[in-house]
Amino acid sequence: MRNTLRLLLLVIAFVLIGNFVILRLYGDTLQSTHLFIVRGTVFYPIALLNLILGILLITFLVWEWLSQRKSLK
C-alpha cells in the first residue's frame, strides 16, 4: 500500500511538471490571439506553480525514501 501511494505521488509530480511544459508552450501561442493578456497573468503563474510543486513533491519523495533506507540499516 505504501509503495502504491509513493508511485501515485510520483506520477502526480510528473504530471505537474508536464503541465508546466504544456502551459508554457500554449501560453506562447496566445501571442497571436486577443487572449494574449491572460498569458502573463494566468498561464505563466500557474505553470510556475506546477513546476515548483512538482519539484517539491519529487524532492520530498526522494528524501523520504533515503531516510527510510538509512533507518533500515
PDB file of N, CA and C in Angstrom:
ATOM      1  N   MET A   1       0.826  -1.199   0.000  1.00  0.00           N
ATOM      2  CA  MET A   1       0.000   0.000   0.000  1.00  0.00           C
ATOM      3  C   MET A   1       0.863   1.253   0.000  1.00  0.00           C
ATOM      4  N   ARG A   2       1.895   1.242   0.803  1.00  0.00           N
ATOM      5  CA  ARG A   2       2.756   2.420   0.896  1.00  0.00           C
ATOM      6  C   ARG A   2       3.482   2.674  -0.425  1.00  0.00           C
ATOM      7  N   ASN A   3       3.905   1.583  -1.084  1.00  0.00           N
ATOM      8  CA  ASN A   3       4.571   1.746  -2.371  1.00  0.00           C
ATOM      9  C   ASN A   3       3.612   2.271  -3.437  1.00  0.00           C
ATOM     10  N   THR A   4       2.356   1.870  -3.355  1.00  0.00           N
ATOM     11  CA  THR A   4       1.350   2.355  -4.294  1.00  0.00           C
ATOM     12  C   THR A   4       1.141   3.857  -4.128  1.00  0.00           C
ATOM     13  N   LEU A   5       1.111   4.307  -2.890  1.00  0.00           N
ATOM     14  CA  LEU A   5       0.956   5.734  -2.629  1.00  0.00           C
ATOM     15  C   LEU A   5       2.166   6.517  -3.152  1.00  0.00           C
ATOM     16  N   ARG A   6       3.364   5.993  -2.934  1.00  0.00           N
ATOM     17  CA  ARG A   6       4.566   6.656  -3.451  1.00  0.00           C
ATOM     18  C   ARG A   6       4.542   6.740  -4.969  1.00  0.00           C
ATOM     19  N   LEU A   7       4.137   5.650  -5.612  1.00  0.00           N
ATOM     20  CA  LEU A   7       4.061   5.643  -7.072  1.00  0.00           C
ATOM     21  C   LEU A   7       3.032   6.654  -7.564  1.00  0.00           C
ATOM     22  N   LEU A   8       1.893   6.731  -6.906  1.00  0.00           N
ATOM     23  CA  LEU A   8       0.870   7.695  -7.272  1.00  0.00           C
ATOM     24  C   LEU A   8       1.379   9.127  -7.120  1.00  0.00           C
ATOM     25  N   LEU A   9       2.063   9.410  -6.019  1.00  0.00           N
ATOM     26  CA  LEU A   9       2.606  10.752  -5.813  1.00  0.00           C
ATOM     27  C   LEU A   9       3.680  11.085  -6.845  1.00  0.00           C
ATOM     28  N   LEU A  10       4.468  10.090  -7.244  1.00  0.00           N
ATOM     29  CA  LEU A  10       5.478  10.321  -8.268  1.00  0.00           C
ATOM     30  C   LEU A  10       4.829  10.626  -9.616  1.00  0.00           C
ATOM     31  N   VAL A  11       3.767   9.913  -9.941  1.00  0.00           N
ATOM     32  CA  VAL A  11       3.037  10.188 -11.188  1.00  0.00           C
ATOM     33  C   VAL A  11       2.436  11.590 -11.142  1.00  0.00           C
ATOM     34  N   ILE A  12       1.882  11.971 -10.011  1.00  0.00           N
ATOM     35  CA  ILE A  12       1.311  13.312  -9.863  1.00  0.00           C
ATOM     36  C   ILE A  12       2.387  14.373 -10.047  1.00  0.00           C
ATOM     37  N   ALA A  13       3.576  14.133  -9.509  1.00  0.00           N
ATOM     38  CA  ALA A  13       4.678  15.090  -9.661  1.00  0.00           C
ATOM     39  C   ALA A  13       5.063  15.244 -11.126  1.00  0.00           C
ATOM     40  N   PHE A  14       5.137  14.138 -11.849  1.00  0.00           N
ATOM     41  CA  PHE A  14       5.479  14.226 -13.268  1.00  0.00           C
ATOM     42  C   PHE A  14       4.364  14.895 -14.075  1.00  0.00           C
ATOM     43  N   VAL A  15       3.121  14.697 -13.682  1.00  0.00           N
ATOM     44  CA  VAL A  15       2.011  15.383 -14.353  1.00  0.00           C
ATOM     45  C   VAL A  15       2.108  16.895 -14.126  1.00  0.00           C
ATOM     46  N   LEU A  16       2.452  17.306 -12.910  1.00  0.00           N
ATOM     47  CA  LEU A  16       2.613  18.735 -12.625  1.00  0.00           C
ATOM     48  C   LEU A  16       3.728  19.348 -13.463  1.00  0.00           C
ATOM     49  N   ILE A  17       4.838  18.646 -13.581  1.00  0.00           N
ATOM     50  CA  ILE A  17       5.939  19.157 -14.407  1.00  0.00           C
ATOM     51  C   ILE A  17       5.540  19.159 -15.878  1.00  0.00           C
ATOM     52  N   GLY A  18       4.797  18.138 -16.300  1.00  0.00           N
ATOM     53  CA  GLY A  18       4.291  18.126 -17.678  1.00  0.00           C
ATOM     54  C   GLY A  18       3.323  19.269 -17.937  1.00  0.00           C
ATOM     55  N   ASN A  19       2.503  19.595 -16.952  1.00  0.00           N
ATOM     56  CA  ASN A  19       1.602  20.743 -17.083  1.00  0.00           C
ATOM     57  C   ASN A  19       2.377  22.037 -17.245  1.00  0.00           C
ATOM     58  N   PHE A  20       3.497  22.149 -16.542  1.00  0.00           N
ATOM     59  CA  PHE A  20       4.350  23.325 -16.697  1.00  0.00           C
ATOM     60  C   PHE A  20       4.783  23.478 -18.151  1.00  0.00           C
ATOM     61  N   VAL A  21       5.245  22.398 -18.737  1.00  0.00           N
ATOM     62  CA  VAL A  21       5.715  22.449 -20.129  1.00  0.00           C
ATOM     63  C   VAL A  21       4.568  22.800 -21.068  1.00  0.00           C
ATOM     64  N   ILE A  22       3.427  22.172 -20.894  1.00  0.00           N
ATOM     65  CA  ILE A  22       2.288  22.418 -21.781  1.00  0.00           C
ATOM     66  C   ILE A  22       1.776  23.855 -21.648  1.00  0.00           C
ATOM     67  N   LEU A  23       1.670  24.348 -20.421  1.00  0.00           N
ATOM     68  CA  LEU A  23       1.189  25.717 -20.229  1.00  0.00           C
ATOM     69  C   LEU A  23       2.172  26.736 -20.792  1.00  0.00           C
ATOM     70  N   ARG A  24       3.459  26.470 -20.679  1.00  0.00           N
ATOM     71  CA  ARG A  24       4.446  27.388 -21.250  1.00  0.00           C
ATOM     72  C   ARG A  24       4.330  27.402 -22.778  1.00  0.00           C
ATOM     73  N   LEU A  25       4.185  26.233 -23.377  1.00  0.00           N
ATOM     74  CA  LEU A  25       4.068  26.172 -24.834  1.00  0.00           C
ATOM     75  C   LEU A  25       2.764  26.797 -25.301  1.00  0.00           C
ATOM     76  N   TYR A  26       1.662  26.494 -24.633  1.00  0.00           N
ATOM     77  CA  TYR A  26       0.366  27.029 -25.029  1.00  0.00           C
ATOM     78  C   TYR A  26       0.290  28.525 -24.768  1.00  0.00           C
ATOM     79  N   GLY A  27       0.924  28.991 -23.722  1.00  0.00           N
ATOM     80  CA  GLY A  27       0.939  30.424 -23.434  1.00  0.00           C
ATOM     81  C   GLY A  27       1.633  31.206 -24.527  1.00  0.00           C
ATOM     82  N   ASP A  28       2.657  30.626 -25.134  1.00  0.00           N
ATOM     83  CA  ASP A  28       3.353  31.313 -26.223  1.00  0.00           C
ATOM     84  C   ASP A  28       2.493  31.398 -27.481  1.00  0.00           C
ATOM     85  N   THR A  29       1.582  30.459 -27.692  1.00  0.00           N
ATOM     86  CA  THR A  29       0.724  30.514 -28.874  1.00  0.00           C
ATOM     87  C   THR A  29      -0.359  31.579 -28.734  1.00  0.00           C
ATOM     88  N   LEU A  30      -0.598  32.056 -27.523  1.00  0.00           N
ATOM     89  CA  LEU A  30      -1.632  33.072 -27.321  1.00  0.00           C
ATOM     90  C   LEU A  30      -1.187  34.469 -27.751  1.00  0.00           C
ATOM     91  N   GLN A  31       0.060  34.634 -28.158  1.00  0.00           N
ATOM     92  CA  GLN A  31       0.523  35.945 -28.589  1.00  0.00           C
ATOM     93  C   GLN A  31      -0.251  36.446 -29.794  1.00  0.00           C
ATOM     94  N   SER A  32      -0.667  35.547 -30.660  1.00  0.00           N
ATOM     95  CA  SER A  32      -1.329  35.961 -31.888  1.00  0.00           C
ATOM     96  C   SER A  32      -2.847  36.076 -31.741  1.00  0.00           C
ATOM     97  N   THR A  33      -3.377  35.886 -30.558  1.00  0.00           N
ATOM     98  CA  THR A  33      -4.817  35.978 -30.367  1.00  0.00           C
ATOM     99  C   THR A  33      -5.159  37.178 -29.489  1.00  0.00           C
ATOM    100  N   HIS A  34      -6.436  37.423 -29.336  1.00  0.00           N
ATOM    101  CA  HIS A  34      -6.875  38.530 -28.479  1.00  0.00           C
ATOM    102  C   HIS A  34      -6.781  38.170 -26.997  1.00  0.00           C
ATOM    103  N   LEU A  35      -6.407  36.928 -26.688  1.00  0.00           N
ATOM    104  CA  LEU A  35      -6.287  36.497 -25.299  1.00  0.00           C
ATOM    105  C   LEU A  35      -4.860  36.608 -24.772  1.00  0.00           C
ATOM    106  N   PHE A  36      -4.029  37.403 -25.427  1.00  0.00           N
ATOM    107  CA  PHE A  36      -2.625  37.470 -25.032  1.00  0.00           C
ATOM    108  C   PHE A  36      -2.442  38.032 -23.629  1.00  0.00           C
ATOM    109  N   ILE A  37      -3.437  38.744 -23.119  1.00  0.00           N
ATOM    110  CA  ILE A  37      -3.307  39.342 -21.789  1.00  0.00           C
ATOM    111  C   ILE A  37      -3.257  38.249 -20.718  1.00  0.00           C
ATOM    112  N   VAL A  38      -4.008  37.166 -20.896  1.00  0.00           N
ATOM    113  CA  VAL A  38      -4.042  36.129 -19.876  1.00  0.00           C
ATOM    114  C   VAL A  38      -2.745  35.332 -19.816  1.00  0.00           C
ATOM    115  N   ARG A  39      -1.926  35.455 -20.835  1.00  0.00           N
ATOM    116  CA  ARG A  39      -0.677  34.699 -20.845  1.00  0.00           C
ATOM    117  C   ARG A  39       0.177  35.043 -19.635  1.00  0.00           C
ATOM    118  N   GLY A  40       0.376  36.285 -19.363  1.00  0.00           N
ATOM    119  CA  GLY A  40       1.228  36.698 -18.262  1.00  0.00           C
ATOM    120  C   GLY A  40       0.552  36.670 -16.908  1.00  0.00           C
ATOM    121  N   THR A  41      -0.771  36.770 -16.906  1.00  0.00           N
ATOM    122  CA  THR A  41      -1.471  36.840 -15.622  1.00  0.00           C
ATOM    123  C   THR A  41      -2.054  35.511 -15.167  1.00  0.00           C
ATOM    124  N   VAL A  42      -2.247  34.566 -16.092  1.00  0.00           N
ATOM    125  CA  VAL A  42      -2.856  33.291 -15.717  1.00  0.00           C
ATOM    126  C   VAL A  42      -1.941  32.111 -16.035  1.00  0.00           C
ATOM    127  N   PHE A  43      -1.559  31.973 -17.293  1.00  0.00           N
ATOM    128  CA  PHE A  43      -0.846  30.777 -17.708  1.00  0.00           C
ATOM    129  C   PHE A  43       0.536  30.659 -17.081  1.00  0.00           C
ATOM    130  N   TYR A  44       1.317  31.704 -17.116  1.00  0.00           N
ATOM    131  CA  TYR A  44       2.682  31.606 -16.605  1.00  0.00           C
ATOM    132  C   TYR A  44       2.753  31.434 -15.095  1.00  0.00           C
ATOM    133  N   PRO A  45       1.950  32.147 -14.295  1.00  0.00           N
ATOM    134  CA  PRO A  45       1.991  31.866 -12.848  1.00  0.00           C
ATOM    135  C   PRO A  45       1.530  30.455 -12.496  1.00  0.00           C
ATOM    136  N   ILE A  46       0.515  29.949 -13.171  1.00  0.00           N
ATOM    137  CA  ILE A  46       0.058  28.581 -12.911  1.00  0.00           C
ATOM    138  C   ILE A  46       1.123  27.587 -13.349  1.00  0.00           C
ATOM    139  N   ALA A  47       1.759  27.855 -14.479  1.00  0.00           N
ATOM    140  CA  ALA A  47       2.827  26.975 -14.949  1.00  0.00           C
ATOM    141  C   ALA A  47       3.979  26.950 -13.950  1.00  0.00           C
ATOM    142  N   LEU A  48       4.361  28.101 -13.439  1.00  0.00           N
ATOM    143  CA  LEU A  48       5.448  28.166 -12.466  1.00  0.00           C
ATOM    144  C   LEU A  48       5.061  27.446 -11.171  1.00  0.00           C
ATOM    145  N   LEU A  49       3.817  27.603 -10.740  1.00  0.00           N
ATOM    146  CA  LEU A  49       3.340  26.905  -9.546  1.00  0.00           C
ATOM    147  C   LEU A  49       3.375  25.393  -9.749  1.00  0.00           C
ATOM    148  N   ASN A  50       2.970  24.921 -10.916  1.00  0.00           N
ATOM    149  CA  ASN A  50       3.031  23.489 -11.212  1.00  0.00           C
ATOM    150  C   ASN A  50       4.460  22.976 -11.165  1.00  0.00           C
ATOM    151  N   LEU A  51       5.392  23.737 -11.726  1.00  0.00           N
ATOM    152  CA  LEU A  51       6.790  23.323 -11.708  1.00  0.00           C
ATOM    153  C   LEU A  51       7.321  23.247 -10.279  1.00  0.00           C
ATOM    154  N   ILE A  52       7.057  24.259  -9.491  1.00  0.00           N
ATOM    155  CA  ILE A  52       7.544  24.292  -8.111  1.00  0.00           C
ATOM    156  C   ILE A  52       6.961  23.137  -7.299  1.00  0.00           C
ATOM    157  N   LEU A  53       5.654  22.917  -7.412  1.00  0.00           N
ATOM    158  CA  LEU A  53       5.019  21.830  -6.654  1.00  0.00           C
ATOM    159  C   LEU A  53       5.507  20.458  -7.110  1.00  0.00           C
ATOM    160  N   GLY A  54       5.720  20.294  -8.408  1.00  0.00           N
ATOM    161  CA  GLY A  54       6.245  19.020  -8.911  1.00  0.00           C
ATOM    162  C   GLY A  54       7.640  18.736  -8.391  1.00  0.00           C
ATOM    163  N   ILE A  55       8.503  19.746  -8.413  1.00  0.00           N
ATOM    164  CA  ILE A  55       9.866  19.569  -7.911  1.00  0.00           C
ATOM    165  C   ILE A  55       9.858  19.308  -6.408  1.00  0.00           C
ATOM    166  N   LEU A  56       9.043  20.039  -5.662  1.00  0.00           N
ATOM    167  CA  LEU A  56       8.963  19.816  -4.214  1.00  0.00           C
ATOM    168  C   LEU A  56       8.448  18.423  -3.884  1.00  0.00           C
ATOM    169  N   LEU A  57       7.480  17.940  -4.639  1.00  0.00           N
ATOM    170  CA  LEU A  57       6.937  16.611  -4.387  1.00  0.00           C
ATOM    171  C   LEU A  57       7.975  15.533  -4.676  1.00  0.00           C
ATOM    172  N   ILE A  58       8.702  15.661  -5.767  1.00  0.00           N
ATOM    173  CA  ILE A  58       9.760  14.698  -6.079  1.00  0.00           C
ATOM    174  C   ILE A  58      10.853  14.754  -5.018  1.00  0.00           C
ATOM    175  N   THR A  59      11.220  15.959  -4.588  1.00  0.00           N
ATOM    176  CA  THR A  59      12.237  16.108  -3.548  1.00  0.00           C
ATOM    177  C   THR A  59      11.789  15.445  -2.251  1.00  0.00           C
ATOM    178  N   PHE A  60      10.538  15.649  -1.875  1.00  0.00           N
ATOM    179  CA  PHE A  60      10.008  15.021  -0.664  1.00  0.00           C
ATOM    180  C   PHE A  60      10.038  13.506  -0.769  1.00  0.00           C
ATOM    181  N   LEU A  61       9.645  12.960  -1.928  1.00  0.00           N
ATOM    182  CA  LEU A  61       9.630  11.509  -2.091  1.00  0.00           C
ATOM    183  C   LEU A  61      11.035  10.929  -2.025  1.00  0.00           C
ATOM    184  N   VAL A  62      11.994  11.587  -2.637  1.00  0.00           N
ATOM    185  CA  VAL A  62      13.376  11.102  -2.593  1.00  0.00           C
ATOM    186  C   VAL A  62      13.922  11.203  -1.177  1.00  0.00           C
ATOM    187  N   TRP A  63      13.644  12.307  -0.486  1.00  0.00           N
ATOM    188  CA  TRP A  63      14.120  12.490   0.890  1.00  0.00           C
ATOM    189  C   TRP A  63      13.523  11.424   1.816  1.00  0.00           C
ATOM    190  N   GLU A  64      12.236  11.150   1.654  1.00  0.00           N
ATOM    191  CA  GLU A  64      11.602  10.139   2.486  1.00  0.00           C
ATOM    192  C   GLU A  64      12.158   8.751   2.183  1.00  0.00           C
ATOM    193  N   TRP A  65      12.398   8.457   0.925  1.00  0.00           N
ATOM    194  CA  TRP A  65      12.947   7.164   0.529  1.00  0.00           C
ATOM    195  C   TRP A  65      14.350   6.981   1.096  1.00  0.00           C
ATOM    196  N   LEU A  66      15.171   8.029   1.015  1.00  0.00           N
ATOM    197  CA  LEU A  66      16.528   7.940   1.552  1.00  0.00           C
ATOM    198  C   LEU A  66      16.536   7.826   3.073  1.00  0.00           C
ATOM    199  N   SER A  67      15.673   8.546   3.741  1.00  0.00           N
ATOM    200  CA  SER A  67      15.623   8.446   5.206  1.00  0.00           C
ATOM    201  C   SER A  67      15.107   7.099   5.660  1.00  0.00           C
ATOM    202  N   GLN A  68      14.219   6.497   4.883  1.00  0.00           N
ATOM    203  CA  GLN A  68      13.731   5.167   5.225  1.00  0.00           C
ATOM    204  C   GLN A  68      14.834   4.127   5.026  1.00  0.00           C
ATOM    205  N   ARG A  69      15.631   4.275   3.988  1.00  0.00           N
ATOM    206  CA  ARG A  69      16.734   3.343   3.755  1.00  0.00           C
ATOM    207  C   ARG A  69      17.769   3.425   4.861  1.00  0.00           C
ATOM    208  N   LYS A  70      18.037   4.645   5.348  1.00  0.00           N
ATOM    209  CA  LYS A  70      19.016   4.805   6.424  1.00  0.00           C
ATOM    210  C   LYS A  70      18.517   4.184   7.722  1.00  0.00           C
ATOM    211  N   SER A  71      17.220   4.268   7.973  1.00  0.00           N
ATOM    212  CA  SER A  71      16.686   3.722   9.217  1.00  0.00           C
ATOM    213  C   SER A  71      16.642   2.192   9.199  1.00  0.00           C
ATOM    214  N   LEU A  72      16.627   1.588   8.014  1.00  0.00           N
ATOM    215  CA  LEU A  72      16.621   0.140   7.923  1.00  0.00           C
ATOM    216  C   LEU A  72      18.004  -0.453   8.184  1.00  0.00           C
ATOM    217  N   LYS A  73      19.046   0.317   7.967  1.00  0.00           N
ATOM    218  CA  LYS A  73      20.413  -0.202   8.145  1.00  0.00           C
ATOM    219  C   LYS A  73      20.827  -0.205   9.569  1.00  0.00           C
TER     220      LYS A  73
END
